[in-house]
Amino acid sequence: MTDLDSLYRELRFWLPMITAFGLVIKGYLSAKANVSGWMEKLLDNHLVHIEEAAVSTHEATKQTNVLLTESAGKLDMLQATVSDHNEKDLQVWAAVTQNLTILRERTRACNPSRKASAKRKK
């Protein structure tokens, strides 16, 4: 009987300590899990806006790149057209000045009296 009595006394001493220690550990682990879940939810809620902004920025950047590529092609075409136009314009003005020079020479060659009258007026 003494063995059972000593076993009972030992159980009565250690069982509350083990139970209290188990409850403390269980409380710590559940609090840790709850805090971790709360922090993850908080970060997810905060990061959702950043993720949405990053996705919309990515889409806008893709659209901008497409527009810039199209615009670059159009600008190259416009530059070539303007260059062509300027070259043709220079050719036309060169011909105009050449024709005016020819007309001036012919006018002077045909009208010697104009030369004399022009000299008198000065």
PDB file of N, CA and C in Angstrom:
ATOM      1  N   MET A   1       0.798  -1.177   0.000  1.00  0.00           N
ATOM      2  CA  MET A   1       0.000   0.000   0.000  1.00  0.00           C
ATOM      3  C   MET A   1       0.858   1.265   0.000  1.00  0.00           C
ATOM      4  N   THR A   2       1.990   1.204   0.565  1.00  0.00           N
ATOM      5  CA  THR A   2       2.853   2.361   0.600  1.00  0.00           C
ATOM      6  C   THR A   2       3.305   2.766  -0.786  1.00  0.00           C
ATOM      7  N   ASP A   3       3.449   1.806  -1.635  1.00  0.00           N
ATOM      8  CA  ASP A   3       3.854   2.133  -3.002  1.00  0.00           C
ATOM      9  C   ASP A   3       2.758   2.912  -3.714  1.00  0.00           C
ATOM     10  N   LEU A   4       1.541   2.475  -3.526  1.00  0.00           N
ATOM     11  CA  LEU A   4       0.429   3.195  -4.159  1.00  0.00           C
ATOM     12  C   LEU A   4       0.233   4.562  -3.513  1.00  0.00           C
ATOM     13  N   ASP A   5       0.448   4.611  -2.240  1.00  0.00           N
ATOM     14  CA  ASP A   5       0.299   5.882  -1.543  1.00  0.00           C
ATOM     15  C   ASP A   5       1.387   6.871  -1.991  1.00  0.00           C
ATOM     16  N   SER A   6       2.598   6.396  -2.113  1.00  0.00           N
ATOM     17  CA  SER A   6       3.675   7.293  -2.564  1.00  0.00           C
ATOM     18  C   SER A   6       3.464   7.684  -4.034  1.00  0.00           C
ATOM     19  N   LEU A   7       2.951   6.746  -4.827  1.00  0.00           N
ATOM     20  CA  LEU A   7       2.637   7.049  -6.221  1.00  0.00           C
ATOM     21  C   LEU A   7       1.533   8.104  -6.291  1.00  0.00           C
ATOM     22  N   TYR A   8       0.552   7.956  -5.434  1.00  0.00           N
ATOM     23  CA  TYR A   8      -0.539   8.938  -5.404  1.00  0.00           C
ATOM     24  C   TYR A   8      -0.008  10.313  -4.996  1.00  0.00           C
ATOM     25  N   ARG A   9       0.867  10.359  -4.011  1.00  0.00           N
ATOM     26  CA  ARG A   9       1.437  11.637  -3.562  1.00  0.00           C
ATOM     27  C   ARG A   9       2.291  12.275  -4.669  1.00  0.00           C
ATOM     28  N   GLU A  10       3.058  11.448  -5.359  1.00  0.00           N
ATOM     29  CA  GLU A  10       3.874  11.960  -6.457  1.00  0.00           C
ATOM     30  C   GLU A  10       2.998  12.502  -7.592  1.00  0.00           C
ATOM     31  N   LEU A  11       1.954  11.754  -7.930  1.00  0.00           N
ATOM     32  CA  LEU A  11       1.029  12.217  -8.980  1.00  0.00           C
ATOM     33  C   LEU A  11       0.341  13.502  -8.557  1.00  0.00           C
ATOM     34  N   ARG A  12      -0.063  13.556  -7.294  1.00  0.00           N
ATOM     35  CA  ARG A  12      -0.718  14.746  -6.800  1.00  0.00           C
ATOM     36  C   ARG A  12       0.230  15.945  -6.817  1.00  0.00           C
ATOM     37  N   PHE A  13       1.529  15.743  -6.705  1.00  0.00           N
ATOM     38  CA  PHE A  13       2.499  16.827  -6.730  1.00  0.00           C
ATOM     39  C   PHE A  13       2.842  17.225  -8.177  1.00  0.00           C
ATOM     40  N   TRP A  14       3.130  16.245  -9.029  1.00  0.00           N
ATOM     41  CA  TRP A  14       3.623  16.534 -10.377  1.00  0.00           C
ATOM     42  C   TRP A  14       2.526  16.798 -11.392  1.00  0.00           C
ATOM     43  N   LEU A  15       1.387  16.193 -11.267  1.00  0.00           N
ATOM     44  CA  LEU A  15       0.317  16.355 -12.254  1.00  0.00           C
ATOM     45  C   LEU A  15      -0.145  17.804 -12.401  1.00  0.00           C
ATOM     46  N   PRO A  16      -0.365  18.549 -11.360  1.00  0.00           N
ATOM     47  CA  PRO A  16      -0.725  19.963 -11.548  1.00  0.00           C
ATOM     48  C   PRO A  16       0.401  20.763 -12.202  1.00  0.00           C
ATOM     49  N   MET A  17       1.669  20.441 -11.874  1.00  0.00           N
ATOM     50  CA  MET A  17       2.787  21.155 -12.486  1.00  0.00           C
ATOM     51  C   MET A  17       2.882  20.844 -13.988  1.00  0.00           C
ATOM     52  N   ILE A  18       2.737  19.597 -14.323  1.00  0.00           N
ATOM     53  CA  ILE A  18       2.784  19.207 -15.734  1.00  0.00           C
ATOM     54  C   ILE A  18       1.604  19.820 -16.493  1.00  0.00           C
ATOM     55  N   THR A  19       0.432  19.819 -15.874  1.00  0.00           N
ATOM     56  CA  THR A  19      -0.748  20.411 -16.503  1.00  0.00           C
ATOM     57  C   THR A  19      -0.551  21.911 -16.696  1.00  0.00           C
ATOM     58  N   ALA A  20      -0.043  22.587 -15.678  1.00  0.00           N
ATOM     59  CA  ALA A  20       0.189  24.031 -15.793  1.00  0.00           C
ATOM     60  C   ALA A  20       1.223  24.310 -16.872  1.00  0.00           C
ATOM     61  N   PHE A  21       2.307  23.536 -16.890  1.00  0.00           N
ATOM     62  CA  PHE A  21       3.330  23.709 -17.907  1.00  0.00           C
ATOM     63  C   PHE A  21       2.754  23.451 -19.306  1.00  0.00           C
ATOM     64  N   GLY A  22       1.923  22.426 -19.447  1.00  0.00           N
ATOM     65  CA  GLY A  22       1.274  22.119 -20.736  1.00  0.00           C
ATOM     66  C   GLY A  22       0.346  23.247 -21.169  1.00  0.00           C
ATOM     67  N   LEU A  23      -0.419  23.795 -20.222  1.00  0.00           N
ATOM     68  CA  LEU A  23      -1.318  24.896 -20.553  1.00  0.00           C
ATOM     69  C   LEU A  23      -0.536  26.146 -20.989  1.00  0.00           C
ATOM     70  N   VAL A  24       0.586  26.408 -20.328  1.00  0.00           N
ATOM     71  CA  VAL A  24       1.416  27.559 -20.701  1.00  0.00           C
ATOM     72  C   VAL A  24       1.975  27.356 -22.112  1.00  0.00           C
ATOM     73  N   ILE A  25       2.480  26.170 -22.401  1.00  0.00           N
ATOM     74  CA  ILE A  25       3.023  25.884 -23.735  1.00  0.00           C
ATOM     75  C   ILE A  25       1.919  25.978 -24.784  1.00  0.00           C
ATOM     76  N   LYS A  26       0.747  25.387 -24.496  1.00  0.00           N
ATOM     77  CA  LYS A  26      -0.360  25.440 -25.445  1.00  0.00           C
ATOM     78  C   LYS A  26      -0.811  26.886 -25.669  1.00  0.00           C
ATOM     79  N   GLY A  27      -0.877  27.684 -24.613  1.00  0.00           N
ATOM     80  CA  GLY A  27      -1.244  29.105 -24.747  1.00  0.00           C
ATOM     81  C   GLY A  27      -0.227  29.866 -25.571  1.00  0.00           C
ATOM     82  N   TYR A  28       1.049  29.590 -25.346  1.00  0.00           N
ATOM     83  CA  TYR A  28       2.113  30.260 -26.115  1.00  0.00           C
ATOM     84  C   TYR A  28       2.006  29.906 -27.595  1.00  0.00           C
ATOM     85  N   LEU A  29       1.829  28.632 -27.890  1.00  0.00           N
ATOM     86  CA  LEU A  29       1.750  28.205 -29.292  1.00  0.00           C
ATOM     87  C   LEU A  29       0.503  28.742 -29.991  1.00  0.00           C
ATOM     88  N   SER A  30      -0.639  28.737 -29.285  1.00  0.00           N
ATOM     89  CA  SER A  30      -1.857  29.266 -29.909  1.00  0.00           C
ATOM     90  C   SER A  30      -1.767  30.785 -30.084  1.00  0.00           C
ATOM     91  N   ALA A  31      -1.176  31.485 -29.116  1.00  0.00           N
ATOM     92  CA  ALA A  31      -0.991  32.933 -29.260  1.00  0.00           C
ATOM     93  C   ALA A  31      -0.051  33.232 -30.420  1.00  0.00           C
ATOM     94  N   LYS A  32       1.007  32.437 -30.543  1.00  0.00           N
ATOM     95  CA  LYS A  32       1.954  32.622 -31.638  1.00  0.00           C
ATOM     96  C   LYS A  32       1.260  32.396 -32.984  1.00  0.00           C
ATOM     97  N   ALA A  33       0.431  31.360 -33.072  1.00  0.00           N
ATOM     98  CA  ALA A  33      -0.291  31.085 -34.317  1.00  0.00           C
ATOM     99  C   ALA A  33      -1.290  32.196 -34.626  1.00  0.00           C
ATOM    100  N   ASN A  34      -1.984  32.689 -33.618  1.00  0.00           N
ATOM    101  CA  ASN A  34      -2.951  33.768 -33.833  1.00  0.00           C
ATOM    102  C   ASN A  34      -2.258  35.055 -34.278  1.00  0.00           C
ATOM    103  N   VAL A  35      -1.138  35.387 -33.648  1.00  0.00           N
ATOM    104  CA  VAL A  35      -0.405  36.595 -34.024  1.00  0.00           C
ATOM    105  C   VAL A  35       0.149  36.438 -35.439  1.00  0.00           C
ATOM    106  N   SER A  36       0.652  35.263 -35.754  1.00  0.00           N
ATOM    107  CA  SER A  36       1.175  35.028 -37.103  1.00  0.00           C
ATOM    108  C   SER A  36       0.072  35.164 -38.150  1.00  0.00           C
ATOM    109  N   GLY A  37      -1.094  34.589 -37.857  1.00  0.00           N
ATOM    110  CA  GLY A  37      -2.224  34.712 -38.782  1.00  0.00           C
ATOM    111  C   GLY A  37      -2.668  36.152 -38.940  1.00  0.00           C
ATOM    112  N   TRP A  38      -2.718  36.884 -37.833  1.00  0.00           N
ATOM    113  CA  TRP A  38      -3.126  38.287 -37.882  1.00  0.00           C
ATOM    114  C   TRP A  38      -2.127  39.112 -38.680  1.00  0.00           C
ATOM    115  N   MET A  39      -0.833  38.893 -38.462  1.00  0.00           N
ATOM    116  CA  MET A  39       0.191  39.639 -39.194  1.00  0.00           C
ATOM    117  C   MET A  39       0.167  39.294 -40.687  1.00  0.00           C
ATOM    118  N   GLU A  40      -0.056  38.025 -41.002  1.00  0.00           N
ATOM    119  CA  GLU A  40      -0.111  37.643 -42.414  1.00  0.00           C
ATOM    120  C   GLU A  40      -1.303  38.299 -43.098  1.00  0.00           C
ATOM    121  N   LYS A  41      -2.437  38.313 -42.401  1.00  0.00           N
ATOM    122  CA  LYS A  41      -3.623  38.961 -42.959  1.00  0.00           C
ATOM    123  C   LYS A  41      -3.387  40.464 -43.136  1.00  0.00           C
ATOM    124  N   LEU A  42      -2.726  41.081 -42.167  1.00  0.00           N
ATOM    125  CA  LEU A  42      -2.423  42.505 -42.240  1.00  0.00           C
ATOM    126  C   LEU A  42      -1.497  42.798 -43.412  1.00  0.00           C
ATOM    127  N   LEU A  43      -0.457  42.002 -43.575  1.00  0.00           N
ATOM    128  CA  LEU A  43       0.468  42.205 -44.682  1.00  0.00           C
ATOM    129  C   LEU A  43      -0.196  41.933 -46.023  1.00  0.00           C
ATOM    130  N   ASP A  44      -1.042  40.891 -46.080  1.00  0.00           N
ATOM    131  CA  ASP A  44      -1.746  40.602 -47.330  1.00  0.00           C
ATOM    132  C   ASP A  44      -2.659  41.754 -47.713  1.00  0.00           C
ATOM    133  N   ASN A  45      -3.366  42.302 -46.736  1.00  0.00           N
ATOM    134  CA  ASN A  45      -4.241  43.440 -47.023  1.00  0.00           C
ATOM    135  C   ASN A  45      -3.435  44.647 -47.481  1.00  0.00           C
ATOM    136  N   HIS A  46      -2.277  44.834 -46.901  1.00  0.00           N
ATOM    137  CA  HIS A  46      -1.442  45.971 -47.275  1.00  0.00           C
ATOM    138  C   HIS A  46      -0.803  45.746 -48.639  1.00  0.00           C
ATOM    139  N   LEU A  47      -0.382  44.525 -48.911  1.00  0.00           N
ATOM    140  CA  LEU A  47       0.319  44.234 -50.155  1.00  0.00           C
ATOM    141  C   LEU A  47      -0.617  44.088 -51.352  1.00  0.00           C
ATOM    142  N   VAL A  48      -1.909  43.892 -51.108  1.00  0.00           N
ATOM    143  CA  VAL A  48      -2.856  43.759 -52.215  1.00  0.00           C
ATOM    144  C   VAL A  48      -2.855  45.027 -53.057  1.00  0.00           C
ATOM    145  N   HIS A  49      -2.854  46.185 -52.415  1.00  0.00           N
ATOM    146  CA  HIS A  49      -2.861  47.450 -53.148  1.00  0.00           C
ATOM    147  C   HIS A  49      -1.574  47.620 -53.958  1.00  0.00           C
ATOM    148  N   ILE A  50      -0.472  47.235 -53.355  1.00  0.00           N
ATOM    149  CA  ILE A  50       0.803  47.352 -54.058  1.00  0.00           C
ATOM    150  C   ILE A  50       0.834  46.404 -55.247  1.00  0.00           C
ATOM    151  N   GLU A  51       0.321  45.205 -55.068  1.00  0.00           N
ATOM    152  CA  GLU A  51       0.295  44.234 -56.167  1.00  0.00           C
ATOM    153  C   GLU A  51      -0.601  44.717 -57.298  1.00  0.00           C
ATOM    154  N   GLU A  52      -1.769  45.249 -56.969  1.00  0.00           N
ATOM    155  CA  GLU A  52      -2.668  45.778 -57.997  1.00  0.00           C
ATOM    156  C   GLU A  52      -2.016  46.939 -58.750  1.00  0.00           C
ATOM    157  N   ALA A  53      -1.343  47.799 -58.013  1.00  0.00           N
ATOM    158  CA  ALA A  53      -0.661  48.931 -58.661  1.00  0.00           C
ATOM    159  C   ALA A  53       0.459  48.446 -59.572  1.00  0.00           C
ATOM    160  N   ALA A  54       1.185  47.430 -59.133  1.00  0.00           N
ATOM    161  CA  ALA A  54       2.271  46.896 -59.959  1.00  0.00           C
ATOM    162  C   ALA A  54       1.721  46.266 -61.236  1.00  0.00           C
ATOM    163  N   VAL A  55       0.608  45.541 -61.121  1.00  0.00           N
ATOM    164  CA  VAL A  55       0.003  44.913 -62.305  1.00  0.00           C
ATOM    165  C   VAL A  55      -0.504  45.975 -63.270  1.00  0.00           C
ATOM    166  N   SER A  56      -1.184  46.994 -62.759  1.00  0.00           N
ATOM    167  CA  SER A  56      -1.697  48.045 -63.647  1.00  0.00           C
ATOM    168  C   SER A  56      -0.551  48.828 -64.281  1.00  0.00           C
ATOM    169  N   THR A  57       0.523  49.051 -63.535  1.00  0.00           N
ATOM    170  CA  THR A  57       1.696  49.733 -64.098  1.00  0.00           C
ATOM    171  C   THR A  57       2.323  48.898 -65.196  1.00  0.00           C
ATOM    172  N   HIS A  58       2.375  47.593 -64.985  1.00  0.00           N
ATOM    173  CA  HIS A  58       2.938  46.686 -65.992  1.00  0.00           C
ATOM    174  C   HIS A  58       2.117  46.745 -67.279  1.00  0.00           C
ATOM    175  N   GLU A  59       0.801  46.713 -67.144  1.00  0.00           N
ATOM    176  CA  GLU A  59      -0.069  46.779 -68.325  1.00  0.00           C
ATOM    177  C   GLU A  59       0.069  48.132 -69.030  1.00  0.00           C
ATOM    178  N   ALA A  60       0.104  49.198 -68.263  1.00  0.00           N
ATOM    179  CA  ALA A  60       0.251  50.536 -68.854  1.00  0.00           C
ATOM    180  C   ALA A  60       1.599  50.675 -69.561  1.00  0.00           C
ATOM    181  N   THR A  61       2.625  50.090 -68.988  1.00  0.00           N
ATOM    182  CA  THR A  61       3.949  50.144 -69.612  1.00  0.00           C
ATOM    183  C   THR A  61       3.959  49.377 -70.930  1.00  0.00           C
ATOM    184  N   LYS A  62       3.301  48.226 -70.956  1.00  0.00           N
ATOM    185  CA  LYS A  62       3.213  47.464 -72.212  1.00  0.00           C
ATOM    186  C   LYS A  62       2.496  48.283 -73.280  1.00  0.00           C
ATOM    187  N   GLN A  63       1.370  48.903 -72.923  1.00  0.00           N
ATOM    188  CA  GLN A  63       0.623  49.722 -73.886  1.00  0.00           C
ATOM    189  C   GLN A  63       1.463  50.906 -74.354  1.00  0.00           C
ATOM    190  N   THR A  64       2.185  51.528 -73.432  1.00  0.00           N
ATOM    191  CA  THR A  64       3.036  52.662 -73.797  1.00  0.00           C
ATOM    192  C   THR A  64       4.138  52.224 -74.756  1.00  0.00           C
ATOM    193  N   ASN A  65       4.727  51.060 -74.490  1.00  0.00           N
ATOM    194  CA  ASN A  65       5.775  50.562 -75.382  1.00  0.00           C
ATOM    195  C   ASN A  65       5.237  50.288 -76.770  1.00  0.00           C
ATOM    196  N   VAL A  66       4.017  49.739 -76.863  1.00  0.00           N
ATOM    197  CA  VAL A  66       3.409  49.497 -78.172  1.00  0.00           C
ATOM    198  C   VAL A  66       3.179  50.825 -78.894  1.00  0.00           C
ATOM    199  N   LEU A  67       2.637  51.805 -78.184  1.00  0.00           N
ATOM    200  CA  LEU A  67       2.391  53.114 -78.789  1.00  0.00           C
ATOM    201  C   LEU A  67       3.686  53.795 -79.215  1.00  0.00           C
ATOM    202  N   LEU A  68       4.714  53.672 -78.386  1.00  0.00           N
ATOM    203  CA  LEU A  68       5.995  54.284 -78.745  1.00  0.00           C
ATOM    204  C   LEU A  68       6.616  53.606 -79.965  1.00  0.00           C
ATOM    205  N   THR A  69       6.457  52.299 -80.064  1.00  0.00           N
ATOM    206  CA  THR A  69       6.978  51.587 -81.228  1.00  0.00           C
ATOM    207  C   THR A  69       6.263  52.036 -82.489  1.00  0.00           C
ATOM    208  N   GLU A  70       4.934  52.135 -82.406  1.00  0.00           N
ATOM    209  CA  GLU A  70       4.165  52.608 -83.562  1.00  0.00           C
ATOM    210  C   GLU A  70       4.549  54.048 -83.902  1.00  0.00           C
ATOM    211  N   SER A  71       4.679  54.874 -82.881  1.00  0.00           N
ATOM    212  CA  SER A  71       5.020  56.281 -83.107  1.00  0.00           C
ATOM    213  C   SER A  71       6.412  56.416 -83.704  1.00  0.00           C
ATOM    214  N   ALA A  72       7.333  55.573 -83.259  1.00  0.00           N
ATOM    215  CA  ALA A  72       8.697  55.650 -83.795  1.00  0.00           C
ATOM    216  C   ALA A  72       8.692  55.344 -85.287  1.00  0.00           C
ATOM    217  N   GLY A  73       7.912  54.341 -85.686  1.00  0.00           N
ATOM    218  CA  GLY A  73       7.804  54.029 -87.113  1.00  0.00           C
ATOM    219  C   GLY A  73       7.195  55.183 -87.887  1.00  0.00           C
ATOM    220  N   LYS A  74       6.163  55.787 -87.327  1.00  0.00           N
ATOM    221  CA  LYS A  74       5.526  56.923 -87.988  1.00  0.00           C
ATOM    222  C   LYS A  74       6.461  58.125 -88.040  1.00  0.00           C
ATOM    223  N   LEU A  75       7.236  58.331 -86.969  1.00  0.00           N
ATOM    224  CA  LEU A  75       8.182  59.447 -86.963  1.00  0.00           C
ATOM    225  C   LEU A  75       9.286  59.251 -87.990  1.00  0.00           C
ATOM    226  N   ASP A  76       9.744  58.001 -88.150  1.00  0.00           N
ATOM    227  CA  ASP A  76      10.747  57.727 -89.181  1.00  0.00           C
ATOM    228  C   ASP A  76      10.186  58.019 -90.564  1.00  0.00           C
ATOM    229  N   MET A  77       8.928  57.595 -90.783  1.00  0.00           N
ATOM    230  CA  MET A  77       8.285  57.853 -92.069  1.00  0.00           C
ATOM    231  C   MET A  77       8.116  59.363 -92.277  1.00  0.00           C
ATOM    232  N   LEU A  78       7.708  60.072 -91.231  1.00  0.00           N
ATOM    233  CA  LEU A  78       7.529  61.522 -91.325  1.00  0.00           C
ATOM    234  C   LEU A  78       8.865  62.209 -91.610  1.00  0.00           C
ATOM    235  N   GLN A  79       9.926  61.768 -90.951  1.00  0.00           N
ATOM    236  CA  GLN A  79      11.238  62.358 -91.174  1.00  0.00           C
ATOM    237  C   GLN A  79      11.684  62.140 -92.621  1.00  0.00           C
ATOM    238  N   ALA A  80      11.451  60.952 -93.155  1.00  0.00           N
ATOM    239  CA  ALA A  80      11.816  60.673 -94.539  1.00  0.00           C
ATOM    240  C   ALA A  80      10.995  61.539 -95.493  1.00  0.00           C
ATOM    241  N   THR A  81       9.714  61.696 -95.197  1.00  0.00           N
ATOM    242  CA  THR A  81       8.845  62.518 -96.041  1.00  0.00           C
ATOM    243  C   THR A  81       9.290  63.974 -96.014  1.00  0.00           C
ATOM    244  N   VAL A  82       9.575  64.496 -94.838  1.00  0.00           N
ATOM    245  CA  VAL A  82      10.008  65.892 -94.714  1.00  0.00           C
ATOM    246  C   VAL A  82      11.347  66.077 -95.430  1.00  0.00           C
ATOM    247  N   SER A  83      12.245  65.122 -95.291  1.00  0.00           N
ATOM    248  CA  SER A  83      13.535  65.209 -95.968  1.00  0.00           C
ATOM    249  C   SER A  83      13.348  65.209 -97.483  1.00  0.00           C
ATOM    250  N   ASP A  84      12.477  64.329 -97.973  1.00  0.00           N
ATOM    251  CA  ASP A  84      12.148  64.294 -99.409  1.00  0.00           C
ATOM    252  C   ASP A  84      11.586  65.637 -99.861  1.00  0.00           C
ATOM    253  N   HIS A  85      10.652  66.154 -99.078  1.00  0.00           N
ATOM    254  CA  HIS A  85      10.014  67.420 -99.420  1.00  0.00           C
ATOM    255  C   HIS A  85      11.052  68.547 -99.468  1.00  0.00           C
ATOM    256  N   ASN A  86      11.946  68.570 -98.487  1.00  0.00           N
ATOM    257  CA  ASN A  86      12.975  69.615 -98.468  1.00  0.00           C
ATOM    258  C   ASN A  86      13.910  69.517 -99.667  1.00  0.00           C
ATOM    259  N   GLU A  87      14.281  68.295-100.030  1.00  0.00           N
ATOM    260  CA  GLU A  87      15.147  68.115-101.200  1.00  0.00           C
ATOM    261  C   GLU A  87      14.452  68.609-102.469  1.00  0.00           C
ATOM    262  N   LYS A  88      13.190  68.249-102.633  1.00  0.00           N
ATOM    263  CA  LYS A  88      12.437  68.689-103.814  1.00  0.00           C
ATOM    264  C   LYS A  88      12.252  70.203-103.790  1.00  0.00           C
ATOM    265  N   ASP A  89      12.009  70.750-102.619  1.00  0.00           N
ATOM    266  CA  ASP A  89      11.858  72.191-102.480  1.00  0.00           C
ATOM    267  C   ASP A  89      13.148  72.915-102.867  1.00  0.00           C
ATOM    268  N   LEU A  90      14.286  72.371-102.431  1.00  0.00           N
ATOM    269  CA  LEU A  90      15.568  72.959-102.804  1.00  0.00           C
ATOM    270  C   LEU A  90      15.800  72.885-104.313  1.00  0.00           C
ATOM    271  N   GLN A  91      15.403  71.776-104.909  1.00  0.00           N
ATOM    272  CA  GLN A  91      15.547  71.642-106.355  1.00  0.00           C
ATOM    273  C   GLN A  91      14.677  72.670-107.077  1.00  0.00           C
ATOM    274  N   VAL A  92      13.452  72.853-106.593  1.00  0.00           N
ATOM    275  CA  VAL A  92      12.537  73.822-107.211  1.00  0.00           C
ATOM    276  C   VAL A  92      13.116  75.223-107.082  1.00  0.00           C
ATOM    277  N   TRP A  93      13.597  75.600-105.892  1.00  0.00           N
ATOM    278  CA  TRP A  93      14.127  76.949-105.699  1.00  0.00           C
ATOM    279  C   TRP A  93      15.416  77.160-106.483  1.00  0.00           C
ATOM    280  N   ALA A  94      16.203  76.110-106.630  1.00  0.00           N
ATOM    281  CA  ALA A  94      17.409  76.221-107.459  1.00  0.00           C
ATOM    282  C   ALA A  94      17.012  76.488-108.909  1.00  0.00           C
ATOM    283  N   ALA A  95      15.985  75.780-109.390  1.00  0.00           N
ATOM    284  CA  ALA A  95      15.507  76.007-110.748  1.00  0.00           C
ATOM    285  C   ALA A  95      14.916  77.407-110.888  1.00  0.00           C
ATOM    286  N   VAL A  96      14.189  77.879-109.890  1.00  0.00           N
ATOM    287  CA  VAL A  96      13.589  79.217-109.930  1.00  0.00           C
ATOM    288  C   VAL A  96      14.685  80.279-110.001  1.00  0.00           C
ATOM    289  N   THR A  97      15.686  80.157-109.130  1.00  0.00           N
ATOM    290  CA  THR A  97      16.765  81.152-109.161  1.00  0.00           C
ATOM    291  C   THR A  97      17.548  81.094-110.471  1.00  0.00           C
ATOM    292  N   GLN A  98      17.719  79.891-111.005  1.00  0.00           N
ATOM    293  CA  GLN A  98      18.403  79.758-112.291  1.00  0.00           C
ATOM    294  C   GLN A  98      17.588  80.431-113.388  1.00  0.00           C
ATOM    295  N   ASN A  99      16.272  80.197-113.390  1.00  0.00           N
ATOM    296  CA  ASN A  99      15.402  80.820-114.388  1.00  0.00           C
ATOM    297  C   ASN A  99      15.371  82.335-114.238  1.00  0.00           C
ATOM    298  N   LEU A 100      15.358  82.831-113.012  1.00  0.00           N
ATOM    299  CA  LEU A 100      15.369  84.278-112.794  1.00  0.00           C
ATOM    300  C   LEU A 100      16.690  84.887-113.279  1.00  0.00           C
ATOM    301  N   THR A 101      17.771  84.195-113.044  1.00  0.00           N
ATOM    302  CA  THR A 101      19.070  84.671-113.518  1.00  0.00           C
ATOM    303  C   THR A 101      19.087  84.725-115.040  1.00  0.00           C
ATOM    304  N   ILE A 102      18.558  83.673-115.660  1.00  0.00           N
ATOM    305  CA  ILE A 102      18.498  83.632-117.129  1.00  0.00           C
ATOM    306  C   ILE A 102      17.625  84.766-117.645  1.00  0.00           C
ATOM    307  N   LEU A 103      16.469  84.993-117.022  1.00  0.00           N
ATOM    308  CA  LEU A 103      15.575  86.072-117.450  1.00  0.00           C
ATOM    309  C   LEU A 103      16.236  87.439-117.274  1.00  0.00           C
ATOM    310  N   ARG A 104      16.936  87.651-116.200  1.00  0.00           N
ATOM    311  CA  ARG A 104      17.610  88.904-115.953  1.00  0.00           C
ATOM    312  C   ARG A 104      18.692  89.145-117.022  1.00  0.00           C
ATOM    313  N   GLU A 105      19.437  88.093-117.330  1.00  0.00           N
ATOM    314  CA  GLU A 105      20.489  88.206-118.353  1.00  0.00           C
ATOM    315  C   GLU A 105      19.885  88.529-119.724  1.00  0.00           C
ATOM    316  N   ARG A 106      18.792  87.856-120.043  1.00  0.00           N
ATOM    317  CA  ARG A 106      18.146  88.107-121.341  1.00  0.00           C
ATOM    318  C   ARG A 106      17.576  89.515-121.402  1.00  0.00           C
ATOM    319  N   THR A 107      17.032  89.960-120.291  1.00  0.00           N
ATOM    320  CA  THR A 107      16.453  91.297-120.264  1.00  0.00           C
ATOM    321  C   THR A 107      17.552  92.335-120.464  1.00  0.00           C
ATOM    322  N   ARG A 108      18.679  92.167-119.858  1.00  0.00           N
ATOM    323  CA  ARG A 108      19.793  93.095-120.012  1.00  0.00           C
ATOM    324  C   ARG A 108      20.365  93.028-121.429  1.00  0.00           C
ATOM    325  N   ALA A 109      20.416  91.819-121.982  1.00  0.00           N
ATOM    326  CA  ALA A 109      20.977  91.661-123.322  1.00  0.00           C
ATOM    327  C   ALA A 109      20.058  92.263-124.382  1.00  0.00           C
ATOM    328  N   CYS A 110      18.755  92.149-124.194  1.00  0.00           N
ATOM    329  CA  CYS A 110      17.794  92.645-125.177  1.00  0.00           C
ATOM    330  C   CYS A 110      17.573  94.143-125.077  1.00  0.00           C
ATOM    331  N   ASN A 111      17.694  94.755-123.977  1.00  0.00           N
ATOM    332  CA  ASN A 111      17.399  96.167-123.757  1.00  0.00           C
ATOM    333  C   ASN A 111      18.636  96.923-123.298  1.00  0.00           C
ATOM    334  N   PRO A 112      19.458  97.391-124.227  1.00  0.00           N
ATOM    335  CA  PRO A 112      20.608  98.181-123.812  1.00  0.00           C
ATOM    336  C   PRO A 112      20.175  99.552-123.314  1.00  0.00           C
ATOM    337  N   SER A 113      19.020 100.042-123.755  1.00  0.00           N
ATOM    338  CA  SER A 113      18.552 101.356-123.312  1.00  0.00           C
ATOM    339  C   SER A 113      18.200 101.342-121.831  1.00  0.00           C
ATOM    340  N   ARG A 114      17.789 100.250-121.340  1.00  0.00           N
ATOM    341  CA  ARG A 114      17.456 100.165-119.905  1.00  0.00           C
ATOM    342  C   ARG A 114      18.697 100.335-119.064  1.00  0.00           C
ATOM    343  N   LYS A 115      19.795  99.810-119.555  1.00  0.00           N
ATOM    344  CA  LYS A 115      21.038  99.976-118.805  1.00  0.00           C
ATOM    345  C   LYS A 115      21.397 101.450-118.706  1.00  0.00           C
ATOM    346  N   ALA A 116      21.248 102.163-119.793  1.00  0.00           N
ATOM    347  CA  ALA A 116      21.598 103.582-119.801  1.00  0.00           C
ATOM    348  C   ALA A 116      20.658 104.373-118.910  1.00  0.00           C
ATOM    349  N   SER A 117      19.363 104.096-119.007  1.00  0.00           N
ATOM    350  CA  SER A 117      18.395 104.842-118.201  1.00  0.00           C
ATOM    351  C   SER A 117      18.554 104.529-116.731  1.00  0.00           C
ATOM    352  N   ALA A 118      18.945 103.289-116.429  1.00  0.00           N
ATOM    353  CA  ALA A 118      19.161 102.916-115.032  1.00  0.00           C
ATOM    354  C   ALA A 118      20.371 103.650-114.480  1.00  0.00           C
ATOM    355  N   LYS A 119      21.379 103.883-115.318  1.00  0.00           N
ATOM    356  CA  LYS A 119      22.580 104.591-114.871  1.00  0.00           C
ATOM    357  C   LYS A 119      22.262 106.072-114.676  1.00  0.00           C
ATOM    358  N   ARG A 120      21.408 106.674-115.504  1.00  0.00           N
ATOM    359  CA  ARG A 120      21.074 108.083-115.374  1.00  0.00           C
ATOM    360  C   ARG A 120      20.292 108.366-114.100  1.00  0.00           C
ATOM    361  N   LYS A 121      19.403 107.439-113.717  1.00  0.00           N
ATOM    362  CA  LYS A 121      18.570 107.664-112.540  1.00  0.00           C
ATOM    363  C   LYS A 121      19.379 107.646-111.261  1.00  0.00           C
ATOM    364  N   LYS A 122      20.462 106.955-111.278  1.00  0.00           N
ATOM    365  CA  LYS A 122      21.279 106.884-110.061  1.00  0.00           C
ATOM    366  C   LYS A 122      21.938 108.177-109.861  1.00  0.00           C
TER     367      LYS A 122
END
